[in-house]
C-alpha atoms as a PDB file:
ATOM      1  CA  UNK A   1      23.003 -16.174  -8.156  1.00  0.00           C
ATOM      2  CA  UNK A   2      24.357 -13.460 -10.345  1.00  0.00           C
ATOM      3  CA  UNK A   3      26.179 -10.499  -8.974  1.00  0.00           C
ATOM      4  CA  UNK A   4      23.706  -7.884 -10.097  1.00  0.00           C
ATOM      5  CA  UNK A   5      20.042  -8.363  -9.350  1.00  0.00           C
ATOM      6  CA  UNK A   6      17.027  -6.150  -8.914  1.00  0.00           C
ATOM      7  CA  UNK A   7      14.502  -7.601  -6.521  1.00  0.00           C
ATOM      8  CA  UNK A   8      10.912  -6.555  -5.838  1.00  0.00           C
ATOM      9  CA  UNK A   9      10.063  -7.519  -2.255  1.00  0.00           C
ATOM     10  CA  UNK A  10       6.613  -9.043  -2.010  1.00  0.00           C
ATOM     11  CA  UNK A  11       6.919 -10.581   1.443  1.00  0.00           C
ATOM     12  CA  UNK A  12       8.101  -8.783   4.588  1.00  0.00           C
ATOM     13  CA  UNK A  13      11.416 -10.038   5.914  1.00  0.00           C
ATOM     14  CA  UNK A  14      10.883 -11.082   9.525  1.00  0.00           C
ATOM     15  CA  UNK A  15      14.503 -11.470  10.531  1.00  0.00           C
ATOM     16  CA  UNK A  16      17.466 -10.026   8.684  1.00  0.00           C
ATOM     17  CA  UNK A  17      20.428 -12.294   9.325  1.00  0.00           C
ATOM     18  CA  UNK A  18      19.557 -15.628  10.909  1.00  0.00           C
ATOM     19  CA  UNK A  19      21.844 -18.550  10.062  1.00  0.00           C
ATOM     20  CA  UNK A  20      20.834 -22.195   9.852  1.00  0.00           C
ATOM     21  CA  UNK A  21      23.602 -24.769  10.080  1.00  0.00           C
ATOM     22  CA  UNK A  22      23.231 -28.408   9.056  1.00  0.00           C
ATOM     23  CA  UNK A  23      25.771 -31.184   9.373  1.00  0.00           C
ATOM     24  CA  UNK A  24      25.113 -34.589   7.882  1.00  0.00           C
ATOM     25  CA  UNK A  25      27.322 -36.873  10.016  1.00  0.00           C
ATOM     26  CA  UNK A  26      25.694 -36.612  12.486  1.00  0.00           C
ATOM     27  CA  UNK A  27      22.830 -34.435  11.260  1.00  0.00           C
ATOM     28  CA  UNK A  28      22.141 -31.742  13.810  1.00  0.00           C
ATOM     29  CA  UNK A  29      21.140 -28.138  14.213  1.00  0.00           C
ATOM     30  CA  UNK A  30      24.160 -26.405  15.687  1.00  0.00           C
ATOM     31  CA  UNK A  31      22.641 -22.990  16.309  1.00  0.00           C
ATOM     32  CA  UNK A  32      19.891 -21.687  18.584  1.00  0.00           C
ATOM     33  CA  UNK A  33      16.288 -22.419  17.533  1.00  0.00           C
ATOM     34  CA  UNK A  34      14.954 -20.070  14.892  1.00  0.00           C
ATOM     35  CA  UNK A  35      11.535 -18.641  15.612  1.00  0.00           C
ATOM     36  CA  UNK A  36      10.428 -17.451  12.180  1.00  0.00           C
ATOM     37  CA  UNK A  37      12.261 -19.745   9.815  1.00  0.00           C
ATOM     38  CA  UNK A  38       9.135 -21.189   8.151  1.00  0.00           C
ATOM     39  CA  UNK A  39       7.725 -17.784   7.240  1.00  0.00           C
ATOM     40  CA  UNK A  40      10.756 -16.015   5.884  1.00  0.00           C
ATOM     41  CA  UNK A  41      10.934 -15.894   2.100  1.00  0.00           C
ATOM     42  CA  UNK A  42      14.288 -15.505   0.402  1.00  0.00           C
ATOM     43  CA  UNK A  43      15.501 -15.008  -3.135  1.00  0.00           C
ATOM     44  CA  UNK A  44      17.989 -16.925  -5.250  1.00  0.00           C
ATOM     45  CA  UNK A  45      18.178 -15.742  -8.810  1.00  0.00           C
ATOM     46  CA  UNK A  46      20.261 -15.463 -11.922  1.00  0.00           C
ATOM     47  CA  UNK A  47      19.579 -14.565 -15.535  1.00  0.00           C
ATOM     48  CA  UNK A  48      22.168 -17.083 -16.746  1.00  0.00           C
ATOM     49  CA  UNK A  49      19.931 -20.134 -16.461  1.00  0.00           C
ATOM     50  CA  UNK A  50      17.299 -18.614 -18.734  1.00  0.00           C
ATOM     51  CA  UNK A  51      19.200 -19.862 -21.768  1.00  0.00           C
ATOM     52  CA  UNK A  52      18.223 -23.461 -20.879  1.00  0.00           C
ATOM     53  CA  UNK A  53      14.591 -22.778 -21.756  1.00  0.00           C
ATOM     54  CA  UNK A  54      14.716 -23.614 -25.499  1.00  0.00           C
ATOM     55  CA  UNK A  55      15.988 -27.167 -24.889  1.00  0.00           C
ATOM     56  CA  UNK A  56      13.313 -28.085 -22.319  1.00  0.00           C
ATOM     57  CA  UNK A  57      10.028 -29.302 -23.830  1.00  0.00           C
ATOM     58  CA  UNK A  58       7.895 -27.826 -21.043  1.00  0.00           C
ATOM     59  CA  UNK A  59       7.966 -24.726 -18.910  1.00  0.00           C
ATOM     60  CA  UNK A  60      10.944 -24.342 -16.606  1.00  0.00           C
ATOM     61  CA  UNK A  61       8.591 -24.328 -13.622  1.00  0.00           C
ATOM     62  CA  UNK A  62       7.057 -27.651 -14.689  1.00  0.00           C
ATOM     63  CA  UNK A  63      10.485 -29.131 -15.260  1.00  0.00           C
ATOM     64  CA  UNK A  64      11.868 -27.872 -11.939  1.00  0.00           C
ATOM     65  CA  UNK A  65       8.768 -28.954 -10.019  1.00  0.00           C
ATOM     66  CA  UNK A  66       8.935 -32.521 -11.301  1.00  0.00           C
ATOM     67  CA  UNK A  67      12.690 -32.982 -11.190  1.00  0.00           C
ATOM     68  CA  UNK A  68      13.794 -30.845  -8.242  1.00  0.00           C
ATOM     69  CA  UNK A  69      11.151 -29.239  -6.036  1.00  0.00           C
ATOM     70  CA  UNK A  70       8.911 -32.279  -5.529  1.00  0.00           C
ATOM     71  CA  UNK A  71      11.753 -34.792  -4.948  1.00  0.00           C
ATOM     72  CA  UNK A  72      13.214 -32.478  -2.293  1.00  0.00           C
ATOM     73  CA  UNK A  73       9.824 -31.981  -0.652  1.00  0.00           C
ATOM     74  CA  UNK A  74       9.601 -28.242  -1.263  1.00  0.00           C
ATOM     75  CA  UNK A  75       6.223 -26.880  -0.106  1.00  0.00           C
ATOM     76  CA  UNK A  76       6.535 -23.109   0.268  1.00  0.00           C
ATOM     77  CA  UNK A  77       8.397 -22.105  -2.871  1.00  0.00           C
ATOM     78  CA  UNK A  78       7.253 -19.671  -5.527  1.00  0.00           C
ATOM     79  CA  UNK A  79       8.685 -19.055  -8.975  1.00  0.00           C
ATOM     80  CA  UNK A  80       6.988 -16.594 -11.300  1.00  0.00           C
ATOM     81  CA  UNK A  81       9.401 -17.022 -14.163  1.00  0.00           C
ATOM     82  CA  UNK A  82       8.255 -16.036 -17.647  1.00  0.00           C
ATOM     83  CA  UNK A  83      10.639 -16.241 -20.639  1.00  0.00           C
ATOM     84  CA  UNK A  84       9.861 -12.749 -21.857  1.00  0.00           C
ATOM     85  CA  UNK A  85      10.545  -9.087 -21.086  1.00  0.00           C
ATOM     86  CA  UNK A  86       8.150  -9.097 -18.130  1.00  0.00           C
ATOM     87  CA  UNK A  87      10.919 -10.654 -16.026  1.00  0.00           C
ATOM     88  CA  UNK A  88      13.630  -8.249 -17.177  1.00  0.00           C
ATOM     89  CA  UNK A  89      13.503  -6.292 -13.917  1.00  0.00           C
ATOM     90  CA  UNK A  90      13.749  -9.164 -11.434  1.00  0.00           C
ATOM     91  CA  UNK A  91      15.294 -12.024 -13.465  1.00  0.00           C
ATOM     92  CA  UNK A  92      12.441 -14.361 -12.489  1.00  0.00           C
ATOM     93  CA  UNK A  93      13.577 -14.866  -8.908  1.00  0.00           C
ATOM     94  CA  UNK A  94      12.572 -17.975  -7.000  1.00  0.00           C
ATOM     95  CA  UNK A  95      11.315 -17.705  -3.423  1.00  0.00           C
ATOM     96  CA  UNK A  96      12.445 -20.376  -0.927  1.00  0.00           C
ATOM     97  CA  UNK A  97      12.328 -20.796   2.819  1.00  0.00           C
ATOM     98  CA  UNK A  98      15.636 -21.261   4.694  1.00  0.00           C
ATOM     99  CA  UNK A  99      14.808 -24.944   5.219  1.00  0.00           C
ATOM    100  CA  UNK A 100      14.326 -25.421   1.484  1.00  0.00           C
ATOM    101  CA  UNK A 101      17.580 -23.598   0.818  1.00  0.00           C
ATOM    102  CA  UNK A 102      19.343 -25.951   3.230  1.00  0.00           C
ATOM    103  CA  UNK A 103      17.926 -28.963   1.383  1.00  0.00           C
ATOM    104  CA  UNK A 104      19.315 -27.594  -1.865  1.00  0.00           C
ATOM    105  CA  UNK A 105      22.711 -27.182  -0.235  1.00  0.00           C
ATOM    106  CA  UNK A 106      22.623 -30.714   1.185  1.00  0.00           C
ATOM    107  CA  UNK A 107      21.742 -32.045  -2.257  1.00  0.00           C
ATOM    108  CA  UNK A 108      24.969 -30.571  -3.614  1.00  0.00           C
ATOM    109  CA  UNK A 109      26.982 -31.593  -0.559  1.00  0.00           C
ATOM    110  CA  UNK A 110      25.864 -35.186  -1.179  1.00  0.00           C
ATOM    111  CA  UNK A 111      26.737 -35.064  -4.901  1.00  0.00           C
ATOM    112  CA  UNK A 112      23.167 -34.843  -6.131  1.00  0.00           C
ATOM    113  CA  UNK A 113      21.712 -37.603  -3.944  1.00  0.00           C
ATOM    114  CA  UNK A 114      18.604 -37.075  -1.806  1.00  0.00           C
ATOM    115  CA  UNK A 115      17.116 -39.858   0.316  1.00  0.00           C
ATOM    116  CA  UNK A 116      19.154 -42.416  -1.598  1.00  0.00           C
ATOM    117  CA  UNK A 117      18.018 -41.195  -5.026  1.00  0.00           C
ATOM    118  CA  UNK A 118      20.162 -39.403  -7.601  1.00  0.00           C
ATOM    119  CA  UNK A 119      18.232 -36.176  -8.239  1.00  0.00           C
ATOM    120  CA  UNK A 120      20.920 -34.443 -10.291  1.00  0.00           C
ATOM    121  CA  UNK A 121      24.004 -36.089 -11.714  1.00  0.00           C
ATOM    122  CA  UNK A 122      27.184 -36.203  -9.636  1.00  0.00           C
ATOM    123  CA  UNK A 123      29.089 -35.103 -12.725  1.00  0.00           C
ATOM    124  CA  UNK A 124      27.022 -31.914 -12.969  1.00  0.00           C
ATOM    125  CA  UNK A 125      27.568 -31.215  -9.263  1.00  0.00           C
ATOM    126  CA  UNK A 126      31.324 -31.618  -9.746  1.00  0.00           C
ATOM    127  CA  UNK A 127      31.292 -29.343 -12.783  1.00  0.00           C
ATOM    128  CA  UNK A 128      29.218 -26.785 -10.914  1.00  0.00           C
ATOM    129  CA  UNK A 129      31.896 -26.612  -8.235  1.00  0.00           C
ATOM    130  CA  UNK A 130      34.727 -26.140 -10.740  1.00  0.00           C
ATOM    131  CA  UNK A 131      36.118 -22.801 -11.870  1.00  0.00           C
ATOM    132  CA  UNK A 132      34.694 -21.666 -15.202  1.00  0.00           C
ATOM    133  CA  UNK A 133      35.251 -17.928 -14.936  1.00  0.00           C
ATOM    134  CA  UNK A 134      36.437 -15.164 -12.620  1.00  0.00           C
ATOM    135  CA  UNK A 135      34.083 -12.362 -11.591  1.00  0.00           C
ATOM    136  CA  UNK A 136      35.422  -9.393  -9.649  1.00  0.00           C
ATOM    137  CA  UNK A 137      38.384 -11.428  -8.508  1.00  0.00           C
ATOM    138  CA  UNK A 138      36.353 -14.434  -7.313  1.00  0.00           C
ATOM    139  CA  UNK A 139      36.266 -17.827  -9.035  1.00  0.00           C
ATOM    140  CA  UNK A 140      32.840 -18.769 -10.364  1.00  0.00           C
ATOM    141  CA  UNK A 141      31.414 -22.183 -11.279  1.00  0.00           C
ATOM    142  CA  UNK A 142      27.941 -23.009 -12.550  1.00  0.00           C
ATOM    143  CA  UNK A 143      25.909 -20.605 -10.380  1.00  0.00           C
ATOM    144  CA  UNK A 144      28.239 -21.152  -7.399  1.00  0.00           C
ATOM    145  CA  UNK A 145      30.911 -18.795  -6.077  1.00  0.00           C
ATOM    146  CA  UNK A 146      34.132 -20.612  -5.188  1.00  0.00           C
ATOM    147  CA  UNK A 147      35.854 -18.784  -2.371  1.00  0.00           C
ATOM    148  CA  UNK A 148      37.475 -19.094   1.021  1.00  0.00           C
ATOM    149  CA  UNK A 149      36.744 -17.569   4.425  1.00  0.00           C
ATOM    150  CA  UNK A 150      39.356 -17.102   7.153  1.00  0.00           C
ATOM    151  CA  UNK A 151      38.257 -17.601  10.767  1.00  0.00           C
ATOM    152  CA  UNK A 152      40.684 -17.375  13.689  1.00  0.00           C
ATOM    153  CA  UNK A 153      43.663 -18.302  11.545  1.00  0.00           C
ATOM    154  CA  UNK A 154      41.955 -21.224   9.810  1.00  0.00           C
ATOM    155  CA  UNK A 155      41.033 -21.079   6.119  1.00  0.00           C
ATOM    156  CA  UNK A 156      37.734 -22.629   5.039  1.00  0.00           C
ATOM    157  CA  UNK A 157      37.025 -23.333   1.391  1.00  0.00           C
ATOM    158  CA  UNK A 158      33.376 -22.957   0.502  1.00  0.00           C
ATOM    159  CA  UNK A 159      30.985 -23.021  -2.431  1.00  0.00           C
ATOM    160  CA  UNK A 160      28.360 -20.299  -2.073  1.00  0.00           C
ATOM    161  CA  UNK A 161      25.047 -19.707  -3.821  1.00  0.00           C
ATOM    162  CA  UNK A 162      24.284 -16.016  -3.418  1.00  0.00           C
ATOM    163  CA  UNK A 163      21.104 -13.983  -3.855  1.00  0.00           C
ATOM    164  CA  UNK A 164      20.306 -10.310  -3.485  1.00  0.00           C
ATOM    165  CA  UNK A 165      19.788  -9.101   0.065  1.00  0.00           C
ATOM    166  CA  UNK A 166      22.231 -11.509   1.695  1.00  0.00           C
ATOM    167  CA  UNK A 167      20.546 -14.825   0.894  1.00  0.00           C
ATOM    168  CA  UNK A 168      23.326 -17.401   0.875  1.00  0.00           C
ATOM    169  CA  UNK A 169      23.851 -21.147   0.854  1.00  0.00           C
ATOM    170  CA  UNK A 170      27.354 -22.195   1.889  1.00  0.00           C
ATOM    171  CA  UNK A 171      28.538 -25.729   1.154  1.00  0.00           C
ATOM    172  CA  UNK A 172      31.684 -26.731   3.058  1.00  0.00           C
ATOM    173  CA  UNK A 173      32.787 -30.162   1.894  1.00  0.00           C
ATOM    174  CA  UNK A 174      35.688 -30.631   4.317  1.00  0.00           C
ATOM    175  CA  UNK A 175      33.446 -29.840   7.290  1.00  0.00           C
ATOM    176  CA  UNK A 176      30.541 -31.874   5.855  1.00  0.00           C
ATOM    177  CA  UNK A 177      28.374 -28.859   6.517  1.00  0.00           C
ATOM    178  CA  UNK A 178      25.787 -26.572   4.942  1.00  0.00           C
ATOM    179  CA  UNK A 179      25.060 -23.094   6.252  1.00  0.00           C
ATOM    180  CA  UNK A 180      22.107 -20.943   5.196  1.00  0.00           C
ATOM    181  CA  UNK A 181      21.830 -17.229   5.918  1.00  0.00           C
ATOM    182  CA  UNK A 182      18.949 -14.949   4.954  1.00  0.00           C
ATOM    183  CA  UNK A 183      18.848 -11.161   5.004  1.00  0.00           C
ATOM    184  CA  UNK A 184      17.253  -7.952   3.823  1.00  0.00           C
ATOM    185  CA  UNK A 185      20.238  -5.931   2.624  1.00  0.00           C
ATOM    186  CA  UNK A 186      18.848  -5.535  -0.877  1.00  0.00           C
ATOM    187  CA  UNK A 187      21.070  -3.913  -3.484  1.00  0.00           C
ATOM    188  CA  UNK A 188      23.759  -3.301  -0.884  1.00  0.00           C
ATOM    189  CA  UNK A 189      26.699  -5.081   0.730  1.00  0.00           C
ATOM    190  CA  UNK A 190      25.680  -8.147   2.723  1.00  0.00           C
ATOM    191  CA  UNK A 191      27.271  -9.030   6.100  1.00  0.00           C
ATOM    192  CA  UNK A 192      26.787 -12.772   5.522  1.00  0.00           C
ATOM    193  CA  UNK A 193      30.479 -13.564   5.043  1.00  0.00           C
ATOM    194  CA  UNK A 194      31.361 -11.631   8.195  1.00  0.00           C
ATOM    195  CA  UNK A 195      28.778 -13.593  10.167  1.00  0.00           C
ATOM    196  CA  UNK A 196      30.360 -16.779   8.910  1.00  0.00           C
ATOM    197  CA  UNK A 197      33.885 -15.699   9.846  1.00  0.00           C
ATOM    198  CA  UNK A 198      33.092 -14.192  13.239  1.00  0.00           C
ATOM    199  CA  UNK A 199      30.386 -16.424  14.684  1.00  0.00           C
ATOM    200  CA  UNK A 200      29.715 -19.641  12.779  1.00  0.00           C
ATOM    201  CA  UNK A 201      32.998 -21.046  11.555  1.00  0.00           C
ATOM    202  CA  UNK A 202      34.874 -20.483  14.844  1.00  0.00           C
ATOM    203  CA  UNK A 203      32.403 -22.878  16.495  1.00  0.00           C
ATOM    204  CA  UNK A 204      33.785 -25.650  14.265  1.00  0.00           C
ATOM    205  CA  UNK A 205      37.348 -24.423  14.333  1.00  0.00           C
ATOM    206  CA  UNK A 206      39.963 -27.114  14.772  1.00  0.00           C
ATOM    207  CA  UNK A 207      43.365 -25.571  14.350  1.00  0.00           C
ATOM    208  CA  UNK A 208      46.002 -27.875  12.965  1.00  0.00           C
END
């Protein structure tokens, strides 16, 4: 989720900017059906998490598979991370489908709980959503960007996990909502925030 990433595309992107919206109370898809959502592969990466490797007594993939991917029911993910110079170009990106990205967002929306089980600690979720630094004028937590989006005169505060090309997971606590957007704008400006402001958030807009 770092700002600068170099990505090698290994899977064709079928659609460039298709949003998925999930609400948990009630849980519903609020956008039109998505035709290719199970085949699209997206990237979410950062070099910052590599420093956790020395304190884990197994490979990061083994640790993540047992403690995150399997509990969330991930089936179509891929992570070719290696803790050496071979990953210097792509930062060991992980490949997820939009549905898997939405599960990750829901996990954080629900304070680390999935299907009634605490997968990650609520304290870590809270810390992840707190400001720890400022990057290019935007507050940054633990791998989450803390920002706001204005839509039709209403300000929405969101936590966003961002990957190269326009891959984004938005967590909006006040709206009890997760939005996932995928794209193919690699190494260039992504229109994801504009899509949120112009088309998605106005659908939930309740002016006070």
